[in-house]
PDB file of N, CA and C in Angstrom:
ATOM      1  N   THR A   1      46.972  71.126 -17.279  1.00  0.00           N
ATOM      2  CA  THR A   1      46.550  71.289 -15.897  1.00  0.00           C
ATOM      3  C   THR A   1      45.779  70.056 -15.463  1.00  0.00           C
ATOM      4  N   HIS A   2      45.847  69.814 -14.186  1.00  0.00           N
ATOM      5  CA  HIS A   2      45.179  68.653 -13.613  1.00  0.00           C
ATOM      6  C   HIS A   2      44.198  69.137 -12.556  1.00  0.00           C
ATOM      7  N   THR A   3      42.972  68.687 -12.629  1.00  0.00           N
ATOM      8  CA  THR A   3      41.973  69.073 -11.631  1.00  0.00           C
ATOM      9  C   THR A   3      41.589  67.856 -10.808  1.00  0.00           C
ATOM     10  N   HIS A   4      41.274  68.112  -9.557  1.00  0.00           N
ATOM     11  CA  HIS A   4      40.842  67.044  -8.664  1.00  0.00           C
ATOM     12  C   HIS A   4      39.343  67.169  -8.430  1.00  0.00           C
ATOM     13  N   ASN A   5      38.696  66.069  -8.415  1.00  0.00           N
ATOM     14  CA  ASN A   5      37.282  66.052  -8.088  1.00  0.00           C
ATOM     15  C   ASN A   5      37.145  66.116  -6.569  1.00  0.00           C
ATOM     16  N   THR A   6      36.565  67.201  -6.066  1.00  0.00           N
ATOM     17  CA  THR A   6      36.430  67.358  -4.620  1.00  0.00           C
ATOM     18  C   THR A   6      35.138  66.753  -4.092  1.00  0.00           C
ATOM     19  N   HIS A   7      34.302  66.239  -4.959  1.00  0.00           N
ATOM     20  CA  HIS A   7      33.045  65.624  -4.536  1.00  0.00           C
ATOM     21  C   HIS A   7      33.209  64.115  -4.512  1.00  0.00           C
ATOM     22  N   HIS A   8      33.238  63.583  -3.318  1.00  0.00           N
ATOM     23  CA  HIS A   8      33.383  62.142  -3.154  1.00  0.00           C
ATOM     24  C   HIS A   8      32.053  61.582  -2.662  1.00  0.00           C
ATOM     25  N   PRO A   9      31.612  60.483  -3.223  1.00  0.00           N
ATOM     26  CA  PRO A   9      30.366  59.893  -2.730  1.00  0.00           C
ATOM     27  C   PRO A   9      30.561  59.416  -1.290  1.00  0.00           C
ATOM     28  N   MET A  10      29.526  59.566  -0.492  1.00  0.00           N
ATOM     29  CA  MET A  10      29.601  59.171   0.903  1.00  0.00           C
ATOM     30  C   MET A  10      28.517  58.144   1.178  1.00  0.00           C
ATOM     31  N   LEU A  11      28.897  57.104   1.849  1.00  0.00           N
ATOM     32  CA  LEU A  11      27.967  56.052   2.227  1.00  0.00           C
ATOM     33  C   LEU A  11      27.587  56.261   3.687  1.00  0.00           C
ATOM     34  N   VAL A  12      26.314  56.345   3.971  1.00  0.00           N
ATOM     35  CA  VAL A  12      25.827  56.556   5.329  1.00  0.00           C
ATOM     36  C   VAL A  12      25.128  55.295   5.795  1.00  0.00           C
ATOM     37  N   TRP A  13      25.538  54.783   6.950  1.00  0.00           N
ATOM     38  CA  TRP A  13      24.918  53.615   7.549  1.00  0.00           C
ATOM     39  C   TRP A  13      24.098  54.079   8.742  1.00  0.00           C
ATOM     40  N   GLU A  14      22.907  53.602   8.840  1.00  0.00           N
ATOM     41  CA  GLU A  14      22.046  53.936   9.964  1.00  0.00           C
ATOM     42  C   GLU A  14      21.673  52.658  10.680  1.00  0.00           C
ATOM     43  N   TYR A  15      21.888  52.656  11.997  1.00  0.00           N
ATOM     44  CA  TYR A  15      21.521  51.513  12.812  1.00  0.00           C
ATOM     45  C   TYR A  15      20.408  51.942  13.750  1.00  0.00           C
ATOM     46  N   ARG A  16      19.423  51.124  13.885  1.00  0.00           N
ATOM     47  CA  ARG A  16      18.329  51.407  14.807  1.00  0.00           C
ATOM     48  C   ARG A  16      18.256  50.287  15.832  1.00  0.00           C
ATOM     49  N   ILE A  17      18.223  50.702  17.078  1.00  0.00           N
ATOM     50  CA  ILE A  17      18.128  49.738  18.166  1.00  0.00           C
ATOM     51  C   ILE A  17      16.787  49.955  18.849  1.00  0.00           C
ATOM     52  N   HIS A  18      15.967  48.954  18.845  1.00  0.00           N
ATOM     53  CA  HIS A  18      14.648  49.052  19.461  1.00  0.00           C
ATOM     54  C   HIS A  18      14.788  48.879  20.971  1.00  0.00           C
ATOM     55  N   LEU A  19      14.278  49.851  21.704  1.00  0.00           N
ATOM     56  CA  LEU A  19      14.364  49.827  23.156  1.00  0.00           C
ATOM     57  C   LEU A  19      12.966  49.672  23.748  1.00  0.00           C
ATOM     58  N   PRO A  20      12.881  49.072  24.935  1.00  0.00           N
ATOM     59  CA  PRO A  20      11.567  48.874  25.548  1.00  0.00           C
ATOM     60  C   PRO A  20      11.072  50.115  26.297  1.00  0.00           C
ATOM     61  N   LEU A  21      11.251  51.289  25.705  1.00  0.00           N
ATOM     62  CA  LEU A  21      10.758  52.525  26.300  1.00  0.00           C
ATOM     63  C   LEU A  21      10.478  53.536  25.201  1.00  0.00           C
ATOM     64  N   SER A  22       9.690  54.522  25.546  1.00  0.00           N
ATOM     65  CA  SER A  22       9.319  55.536  24.551  1.00  0.00           C
ATOM     66  C   SER A  22      10.431  56.556  24.378  1.00  0.00           C
ATOM     67  N   LEU A  23      10.320  57.362  23.347  1.00  0.00           N
ATOM     68  CA  LEU A  23      11.296  58.418  23.094  1.00  0.00           C
ATOM     69  C   LEU A  23      11.326  59.413  24.251  1.00  0.00           C
ATOM     70  N   ALA A  24      10.168  59.762  24.799  1.00  0.00           N
ATOM     71  CA  ALA A  24      10.098  60.695  25.935  1.00  0.00           C
ATOM     72  C   ALA A  24      10.794  60.101  27.165  1.00  0.00           C
ATOM     73  N   GLU A  25      10.588  58.799  27.414  1.00  0.00           N
ATOM     74  CA  GLU A  25      11.245  58.144  28.554  1.00  0.00           C
ATOM     75  C   GLU A  25      12.756  58.108  28.363  1.00  0.00           C
ATOM     76  N   TYR A  26      13.208  57.848  27.139  1.00  0.00           N
ATOM     77  CA  TYR A  26      14.639  57.829  26.853  1.00  0.00           C
ATOM     78  C   TYR A  26      15.246  59.206  27.089  1.00  0.00           C
ATOM     79  N   LYS A  27      14.557  60.259  26.637  1.00  0.00           N
ATOM     80  CA  LYS A  27      15.052  61.623  26.805  1.00  0.00           C
ATOM     81  C   LYS A  27      15.231  61.956  28.285  1.00  0.00           C
ATOM     82  N   ILE A  28      14.246  61.599  29.109  1.00  0.00           N
ATOM     83  CA  ILE A  28      14.346  61.841  30.550  1.00  0.00           C
ATOM     84  C   ILE A  28      15.525  61.070  31.145  1.00  0.00           C
ATOM     85  N   GLY A  29      15.699  59.827  30.748  1.00  0.00           N
ATOM     86  CA  GLY A  29      16.814  59.017  31.238  1.00  0.00           C
ATOM     87  C   GLY A  29      18.158  59.576  30.832  1.00  0.00           C
ATOM     88  N   GLN A  30      18.258  60.068  29.602  1.00  0.00           N
ATOM     89  CA  GLN A  30      19.510  60.650  29.119  1.00  0.00           C
ATOM     90  C   GLN A  30      19.861  61.904  29.919  1.00  0.00           C
ATOM     91  N   LEU A  31      18.886  62.773  30.148  1.00  0.00           N
ATOM     92  CA  LEU A  31      19.133  63.990  30.918  1.00  0.00           C
ATOM     93  C   LEU A  31      19.521  63.656  32.361  1.00  0.00           C
ATOM     94  N   PHE A  32      18.837  62.680  32.968  1.00  0.00           N
ATOM     95  CA  PHE A  32      19.163  62.277  34.334  1.00  0.00           C
ATOM     96  C   PHE A  32      20.579  61.729  34.419  1.00  0.00           C
ATOM     97  N   THR A  33      20.957  60.867  33.480  1.00  0.00           N
ATOM     98  CA  THR A  33      22.287  60.264  33.487  1.00  0.00           C
ATOM     99  C   THR A  33      23.372  61.322  33.347  1.00  0.00           C
ATOM    100  N   THR A  34      23.163  62.286  32.455  1.00  0.00           N
ATOM    101  CA  THR A  34      24.138  63.367  32.270  1.00  0.00           C
ATOM    102  C   THR A  34      24.284  64.193  33.542  1.00  0.00           C
ATOM    103  N   ALA A  35      23.152  64.551  34.164  1.00  0.00           N
ATOM    104  CA  ALA A  35      23.187  65.348  35.397  1.00  0.00           C
ATOM    105  C   ALA A  35      23.848  64.568  36.536  1.00  0.00           C
ATOM    106  N   GLU A  36      23.531  63.294  36.663  1.00  0.00           N
ATOM    107  CA  GLU A  36      24.090  62.470  37.736  1.00  0.00           C
ATOM    108  C   GLU A  36      25.603  62.304  37.572  1.00  0.00           C
ATOM    109  N   THR A  37      26.061  62.082  36.352  1.00  0.00           N
ATOM    110  CA  THR A  37      27.497  61.941  36.097  1.00  0.00           C
ATOM    111  C   THR A  37      28.224  63.243  36.411  1.00  0.00           C
ATOM    112  N   SER A  38      27.654  64.370  36.013  1.00  0.00           N
ATOM    113  CA  SER A  38      28.256  65.673  36.314  1.00  0.00           C
ATOM    114  C   SER A  38      28.370  65.871  37.817  1.00  0.00           C
ATOM    115  N   LYS A  39      27.320  65.506  38.551  1.00  0.00           N
ATOM    116  CA  LYS A  39      27.309  65.665  40.010  1.00  0.00           C
ATOM    117  C   LYS A  39      28.396  64.799  40.658  1.00  0.00           C
ATOM    118  N   GLN A  40      28.567  63.567  40.190  1.00  0.00           N
ATOM    119  CA  GLN A  40      29.556  62.654  40.766  1.00  0.00           C
ATOM    120  C   GLN A  40      30.987  63.112  40.500  1.00  0.00           C
ATOM    121  N   GLU A  41      31.209  63.808  39.402  1.00  0.00           N
ATOM    122  CA  GLU A  41      32.559  64.244  39.035  1.00  0.00           C
ATOM    123  C   GLU A  41      32.909  65.626  39.573  1.00  0.00           C
ATOM    124  N   THR A  42      32.005  66.232  40.337  1.00  0.00           N
ATOM    125  CA  THR A  42      32.208  67.597  40.797  1.00  0.00           C
ATOM    126  C   THR A  42      32.451  67.618  42.292  1.00  0.00           C
ATOM    127  N   GLY A  43      33.416  68.461  42.708  1.00  0.00           N
ATOM    128  CA  GLY A  43      33.697  68.623  44.132  1.00  0.00           C
ATOM    129  C   GLY A  43      35.096  69.145  44.342  1.00  0.00           C
ATOM    130  N   GLY A  44      35.288  69.914  45.398  1.00  0.00           N
ATOM    131  CA  GLY A  44      36.620  70.435  45.725  1.00  0.00           C
ATOM    132  C   GLY A  44      37.163  71.387  44.681  1.00  0.00           C
ATOM    133  N   GLY A  45      36.281  72.125  43.987  1.00  0.00           N
ATOM    134  CA  GLY A  45      36.747  73.070  42.976  1.00  0.00           C
ATOM    135  C   GLY A  45      36.988  72.447  41.612  1.00  0.00           C
ATOM    136  N   GLU A  46      36.770  71.152  41.505  1.00  0.00           N
ATOM    137  CA  GLU A  46      36.965  70.451  40.240  1.00  0.00           C
ATOM    138  C   GLU A  46      35.618  69.968  39.716  1.00  0.00           C
ATOM    139  N   GLY A  47      35.611  69.584  38.452  1.00  0.00           N
ATOM    140  CA  GLY A  47      34.410  69.006  37.874  1.00  0.00           C
ATOM    141  C   GLY A  47      33.685  69.965  36.961  1.00  0.00           C
ATOM    142  N   VAL A  48      32.354  69.912  36.988  1.00  0.00           N
ATOM    143  CA  VAL A  48      31.524  70.651  36.048  1.00  0.00           C
ATOM    144  C   VAL A  48      30.869  71.833  36.753  1.00  0.00           C
ATOM    145  N   GLU A  49      31.029  73.017  36.180  1.00  0.00           N
ATOM    146  CA  GLU A  49      30.364  74.224  36.676  1.00  0.00           C
ATOM    147  C   GLU A  49      29.311  74.608  35.638  1.00  0.00           C
ATOM    148  N   VAL A  50      28.047  74.575  36.016  1.00  0.00           N
ATOM    149  CA  VAL A  50      26.955  74.905  35.101  1.00  0.00           C
ATOM    150  C   VAL A  50      26.682  76.404  35.213  1.00  0.00           C
ATOM    151  N   LEU A  51      26.924  77.130  34.122  1.00  0.00           N
ATOM    152  CA  LEU A  51      26.698  78.571  34.099  1.00  0.00           C
ATOM    153  C   LEU A  51      25.275  78.912  33.680  1.00  0.00           C
ATOM    154  N   LYS A  52      24.738  78.163  32.706  1.00  0.00           N
ATOM    155  CA  LYS A  52      23.372  78.369  32.230  1.00  0.00           C
ATOM    156  C   LYS A  52      22.741  77.023  31.931  1.00  0.00           C
ATOM    157  N   ASN A  53      21.460  76.928  32.217  1.00  0.00           N
ATOM    158  CA  ASN A  53      20.685  75.740  31.886  1.00  0.00           C
ATOM    159  C   ASN A  53      19.240  76.219  31.733  1.00  0.00           C
ATOM    160  N   GLU A  54      18.855  76.522  30.485  1.00  0.00           N
ATOM    161  CA  GLU A  54      17.555  77.150  30.265  1.00  0.00           C
ATOM    162  C   GLU A  54      16.945  76.720  28.935  1.00  0.00           C
ATOM    163  N   PRO A  55      15.622  76.657  28.890  1.00  0.00           N
ATOM    164  CA  PRO A  55      14.966  76.362  27.613  1.00  0.00           C
ATOM    165  C   PRO A  55      15.080  77.572  26.687  1.00  0.00           C
ATOM    166  N   MET A  56      15.188  77.301  25.404  1.00  0.00           N
ATOM    167  CA  MET A  56      15.246  78.380  24.414  1.00  0.00           C
ATOM    168  C   MET A  56      14.803  77.861  23.062  1.00  0.00           C
ATOM    169  N   GLU A  57      14.764  78.729  22.094  1.00  0.00           N
ATOM    170  CA  GLU A  57      14.377  78.385  20.719  1.00  0.00           C
ATOM    171  C   GLU A  57      15.619  78.470  19.836  1.00  0.00           C
ATOM    172  N   HIS A  58      16.026  77.348  19.264  1.00  0.00           N
ATOM    173  CA  HIS A  58      17.157  77.334  18.342  1.00  0.00           C
ATOM    174  C   HIS A  58      16.627  77.625  16.943  1.00  0.00           C
ATOM    175  N   PRO A  59      17.336  78.472  16.146  1.00  0.00           N
ATOM    176  CA  PRO A  59      16.815  78.836  14.826  1.00  0.00           C
ATOM    177  C   PRO A  59      16.649  77.653  13.867  1.00  0.00           C
ATOM    178  N   GLU A  60      17.437  76.602  14.053  1.00  0.00           N
ATOM    179  CA  GLU A  60      17.353  75.457  13.143  1.00  0.00           C
ATOM    180  C   GLU A  60      16.594  74.275  13.753  1.00  0.00           C
ATOM    181  N   PHE A  61      16.818  73.996  15.059  1.00  0.00           N
ATOM    182  CA  PHE A  61      16.259  72.805  15.697  1.00  0.00           C
ATOM    183  C   PHE A  61      14.924  73.037  16.386  1.00  0.00           C
ATOM    184  N   GLY A  62      14.561  74.304  16.625  1.00  0.00           N
ATOM    185  CA  GLY A  62      13.323  74.600  17.338  1.00  0.00           C
ATOM    186  C   GLY A  62      13.540  74.629  18.835  1.00  0.00           C
ATOM    187  N   PRO A  63      12.525  74.235  19.619  1.00  0.00           N
ATOM    188  CA  PRO A  63      12.655  74.272  21.079  1.00  0.00           C
ATOM    189  C   PRO A  63      13.783  73.360  21.547  1.00  0.00           C
ATOM    190  N   CYS A  64      14.590  73.863  22.469  1.00  0.00           N
ATOM    191  CA  CYS A  64      15.719  73.080  22.947  1.00  0.00           C
ATOM    192  C   CYS A  64      16.097  73.504  24.361  1.00  0.00           C
ATOM    193  N   GLN A  65      17.009  72.754  24.957  1.00  0.00           N
ATOM    194  CA  GLN A  65      17.576  73.092  26.261  1.00  0.00           C
ATOM    195  C   GLN A  65      18.993  73.577  26.009  1.00  0.00           C
ATOM    196  N   TYR A  66      19.268  74.822  26.393  1.00  0.00           N
ATOM    197  CA  TYR A  66      20.604  75.406  26.207  1.00  0.00           C
ATOM    198  C   TYR A  66      21.374  75.290  27.514  1.00  0.00           C
ATOM    199  N   THR A  67      22.590  74.779  27.428  1.00  0.00           N
ATOM    200  CA  THR A  67      23.456  74.726  28.610  1.00  0.00           C
ATOM    201  C   THR A  67      24.808  75.327  28.261  1.00  0.00           C
ATOM    202  N   GLU A  68      25.371  75.986  29.254  1.00  0.00           N
ATOM    203  CA  GLU A  68      26.724  76.527  29.141  1.00  0.00           C
ATOM    204  C   GLU A  68      27.467  76.046  30.382  1.00  0.00           C
ATOM    205  N   LYS A  69      28.581  75.350  30.162  1.00  0.00           N
ATOM    206  CA  LYS A  69      29.304  74.725  31.273  1.00  0.00           C
ATOM    207  C   LYS A  69      30.793  75.009  31.159  1.00  0.00           C
ATOM    208  N   VAL A  70      31.466  74.915  32.299  1.00  0.00           N
ATOM    209  CA  VAL A  70      32.923  74.961  32.344  1.00  0.00           C
ATOM    210  C   VAL A  70      33.372  73.687  33.047  1.00  0.00           C
ATOM    211  N   TYR A  71      34.264  72.944  32.400  1.00  0.00           N
ATOM    212  CA  TYR A  71      34.833  71.736  32.991  1.00  0.00           C
ATOM    213  C   TYR A  71      36.197  72.094  33.564  1.00  0.00           C
ATOM    214  N   HIS A  72      36.371  71.891  34.873  1.00  0.00           N
ATOM    215  CA  HIS A  72      37.646  72.136  35.548  1.00  0.00           C
ATOM    216  C   HIS A  72      38.337  70.778  35.700  1.00  0.00           C
ATOM    217  N   LEU A  73      39.433  70.596  34.966  1.00  0.00           N
ATOM    218  CA  LEU A  73      40.020  69.260  34.844  1.00  0.00           C
ATOM    219  C   LEU A  73      41.447  69.135  35.360  1.00  0.00           C
ATOM    220  N   GLU A  74      41.936  70.112  36.106  1.00  0.00           N
ATOM    221  CA  GLU A  74      43.346  70.109  36.492  1.00  0.00           C
ATOM    222  C   GLU A  74      43.764  68.831  37.219  1.00  0.00           C
ATOM    223  N   THR A  75      42.963  68.355  38.156  1.00  0.00           N
ATOM    224  CA  THR A  75      43.362  67.152  38.901  1.00  0.00           C
ATOM    225  C   THR A  75      43.070  65.862  38.134  1.00  0.00           C
ATOM    226  N   LYS A  76      42.472  65.974  36.963  1.00  0.00           N
ATOM    227  CA  LYS A  76      42.146  64.789  36.166  1.00  0.00           C
ATOM    228  C   LYS A  76      43.288  64.360  35.247  1.00  0.00           C
ATOM    229  N   VAL A  77      44.337  65.188  35.168  1.00  0.00           N
ATOM    230  CA  VAL A  77      45.471  64.857  34.298  1.00  0.00           C
ATOM    231  C   VAL A  77      46.697  64.548  35.162  1.00  0.00           C
ATOM    232  N   PRO A  78      47.621  63.753  34.651  1.00  0.00           N
ATOM    233  CA  PRO A  78      48.820  63.404  35.434  1.00  0.00           C
ATOM    234  C   PRO A  78      49.642  64.651  35.805  1.00  0.00           C
ATOM    235  N   GLY A  79      50.326  64.576  36.930  1.00  0.00           N
ATOM    236  CA  GLY A  79      51.144  65.689  37.423  1.00  0.00           C
ATOM    237  C   GLY A  79      52.204  66.141  36.445  1.00  0.00           C
ATOM    238  N   TRP A  80      52.819  65.212  35.721  1.00  0.00           N
ATOM    239  CA  TRP A  80      53.877  65.614  34.798  1.00  0.00           C
ATOM    240  C   TRP A  80      53.310  66.437  33.642  1.00  0.00           C
ATOM    241  N   VAL A  81      52.050  66.222  33.274  1.00  0.00           N
ATOM    242  CA  VAL A  81      51.409  67.034  32.232  1.00  0.00           C
ATOM    243  C   VAL A  81      51.131  68.431  32.771  1.00  0.00           C
ATOM    244  N   ARG A  82      50.636  68.514  34.018  1.00  0.00           N
ATOM    245  CA  ARG A  82      50.363  69.817  34.639  1.00  0.00           C
ATOM    246  C   ARG A  82      51.620  70.663  34.734  1.00  0.00           C
ATOM    247  N   TYR A  83      52.778  70.015  34.863  1.00  0.00           N
ATOM    248  CA  TYR A  83      54.043  70.726  34.963  1.00  0.00           C
ATOM    249  C   TYR A  83      54.356  71.501  33.675  1.00  0.00           C
ATOM    250  N   PHE A  84      53.989  70.943  32.527  1.00  0.00           N
ATOM    251  CA  PHE A  84      54.323  71.547  31.236  1.00  0.00           C
ATOM    252  C   PHE A  84      53.217  72.422  30.636  1.00  0.00           C
ATOM    253  N   VAL A  85      52.007  72.281  31.114  1.00  0.00           N
ATOM    254  CA  VAL A  85      50.860  72.959  30.505  1.00  0.00           C
ATOM    255  C   VAL A  85      50.369  74.070  31.435  1.00  0.00           C
ATOM    256  N   PRO A  86      50.079  75.260  30.886  1.00  0.00           N
ATOM    257  CA  PRO A  86      49.561  76.346  31.732  1.00  0.00           C
ATOM    258  C   PRO A  86      48.251  75.956  32.407  1.00  0.00           C
ATOM    259  N   ALA A  87      48.035  76.452  33.621  1.00  0.00           N
ATOM    260  CA  ALA A  87      46.862  76.068  34.416  1.00  0.00           C
ATOM    261  C   ALA A  87      45.549  76.348  33.692  1.00  0.00           C
ATOM    262  N   GLY A  88      45.441  77.447  32.962  1.00  0.00           N
ATOM    263  CA  GLY A  88      44.204  77.792  32.265  1.00  0.00           C
ATOM    264  C   GLY A  88      43.815  76.802  31.184  1.00  0.00           C
ATOM    265  N   ALA A  89      44.751  75.994  30.741  1.00  0.00           N
ATOM    266  CA  ALA A  89      44.473  75.025  29.677  1.00  0.00           C
ATOM    267  C   ALA A  89      43.582  73.883  30.160  1.00  0.00           C
ATOM    268  N   PHE A  90      43.399  73.770  31.457  1.00  0.00           N
ATOM    269  CA  PHE A  90      42.597  72.676  31.994  1.00  0.00           C
ATOM    270  C   PHE A  90      41.156  73.085  32.251  1.00  0.00           C
ATOM    271  N   GLN A  91      40.760  74.208  31.676  1.00  0.00           N
ATOM    272  CA  GLN A  91      39.367  74.632  31.733  1.00  0.00           C
ATOM    273  C   GLN A  91      38.793  74.522  30.325  1.00  0.00           C
ATOM    274  N   ILE A  92      37.759  73.725  30.194  1.00  0.00           N
ATOM    275  CA  ILE A  92      37.120  73.523  28.903  1.00  0.00           C
ATOM    276  C   ILE A  92      35.717  74.118  28.983  1.00  0.00           C
ATOM    277  N   HIS A  93      35.375  74.935  28.003  1.00  0.00           N
ATOM    278  CA  HIS A  93      34.069  75.588  27.965  1.00  0.00           C
ATOM    279  C   HIS A  93      33.177  74.871  26.954  1.00  0.00           C
ATOM    280  N   GLU A  94      31.929  74.622  27.352  1.00  0.00           N
ATOM    281  CA  GLU A  94      30.984  73.918  26.496  1.00  0.00           C
ATOM    282  C   GLU A  94      29.693  74.719  26.381  1.00  0.00           C
ATOM    283  N   GLN A  95      29.232  74.868  25.158  1.00  0.00           N
ATOM    284  CA  GLN A  95      27.901  75.401  24.884  1.00  0.00           C
ATOM    285  C   GLN A  95      27.150  74.301  24.158  1.00  0.00           C
ATOM    286  N   SER A  96      25.916  74.031  24.596  1.00  0.00           N
ATOM    287  CA  SER A  96      25.176  72.936  23.995  1.00  0.00           C
ATOM    288  C   SER A  96      23.707  73.308  23.830  1.00  0.00           C
ATOM    289  N   TRP A  97      23.166  72.956  22.668  1.00  0.00           N
ATOM    290  CA  TRP A  97      21.752  73.130  22.361  1.00  0.00           C
ATOM    291  C   TRP A  97      21.186  71.736  22.151  1.00  0.00           C
ATOM    292  N   ASN A  98      20.411  71.244  23.126  1.00  0.00           N
ATOM    293  CA  ASN A  98      19.883  69.892  23.073  1.00  0.00           C
ATOM    294  C   ASN A  98      18.408  69.939  22.677  1.00  0.00           C
ATOM    295  N   ALA A  99      18.152  69.599  21.419  1.00  0.00           N
ATOM    296  CA  ALA A  99      16.782  69.514  20.905  1.00  0.00           C
ATOM    297  C   ALA A  99      16.568  68.068  20.488  1.00  0.00           C
ATOM    298  N   TYR A 100      16.577  67.195  21.470  1.00  0.00           N
ATOM    299  CA  TYR A 100      16.564  65.764  21.200  1.00  0.00           C
ATOM    300  C   TYR A 100      15.585  65.413  20.080  1.00  0.00           C
ATOM    301  N   PRO A 101      16.003  64.653  19.082  1.00  0.00           N
ATOM    302  CA  PRO A 101      17.227  63.867  18.984  1.00  0.00           C
ATOM    303  C   PRO A 101      18.409  64.625  18.386  1.00  0.00           C
ATOM    304  N   TYR A 102      18.280  65.922  18.159  1.00  0.00           N
ATOM    305  CA  TYR A 102      19.377  66.718  17.611  1.00  0.00           C
ATOM    306  C   TYR A 102      20.096  67.443  18.732  1.00  0.00           C
ATOM    307  N   CYS A 103      21.410  67.553  18.604  1.00  0.00           N
ATOM    308  CA  CYS A 103      22.197  68.248  19.621  1.00  0.00           C
ATOM    309  C   CYS A 103      23.400  68.910  18.943  1.00  0.00           C
ATOM    310  N   LEU A 104      23.620  70.173  19.267  1.00  0.00           N
ATOM    311  CA  LEU A 104      24.775  70.914  18.768  1.00  0.00           C
ATOM    312  C   LEU A 104      25.611  71.282  19.979  1.00  0.00           C
ATOM    313  N   THR A 105      26.892  70.916  19.976  1.00  0.00           N
ATOM    314  CA  THR A 105      27.779  71.214  21.095  1.00  0.00           C
ATOM    315  C   THR A 105      29.039  71.864  20.563  1.00  0.00           C
ATOM    316  N   ILE A 106      29.431  72.974  21.200  1.00  0.00           N
ATOM    317  CA  ILE A 106      30.657  73.679  20.845  1.00  0.00           C
ATOM    318  C   ILE A 106      31.575  73.636  22.052  1.00  0.00           C
ATOM    319  N   ILE A 107      32.782  73.105  21.860  1.00  0.00           N
ATOM    320  CA  ILE A 107      33.783  72.980  22.928  1.00  0.00           C
ATOM    321  C   ILE A 107      34.935  73.924  22.603  1.00  0.00           C
ATOM    322  N   THR A 108      35.333  74.743  23.587  1.00  0.00           N
ATOM    323  CA  THR A 108      36.491  75.640  23.421  1.00  0.00           C
ATOM    324  C   THR A 108      37.348  75.601  24.673  1.00  0.00           C
ATOM    325  N   THR A 109      38.590  76.031  24.539  1.00  0.00           N
ATOM    326  CA  THR A 109      39.485  76.179  25.680  1.00  0.00           C
ATOM    327  C   THR A 109      39.904  77.633  25.759  1.00  0.00           C
ATOM    328  N   THR A 110      40.394  78.025  26.929  1.00  0.00           N
ATOM    329  CA  THR A 110      40.826  79.419  27.094  1.00  0.00           C
ATOM    330  C   THR A 110      42.244  79.611  26.664  1.00  0.00           C
TER     331      THR A 110
END
């Protein structure tokens, strides 16, 4: 019989970029940028629909911001793709727990 070793060593590289702002300032900027981009991409029934946006306690990360969103993307794909794909496939559901610098995001489709 032949056995395979399923444990492979993994090399992790970490890069640090020093920025001229504090961690709190970066967090505020990141949240603003995400909200602004969502706002710009939304309109006419398309874009981002925010179902929940609330602070909560994550069992692993601690205090975090929980968001639940639906992305409506039908007009974002070429017409020939829409012809072959059912309409419901262009709705993407996102659940996210943002406990900066940690973030857990789950993406699903219907």
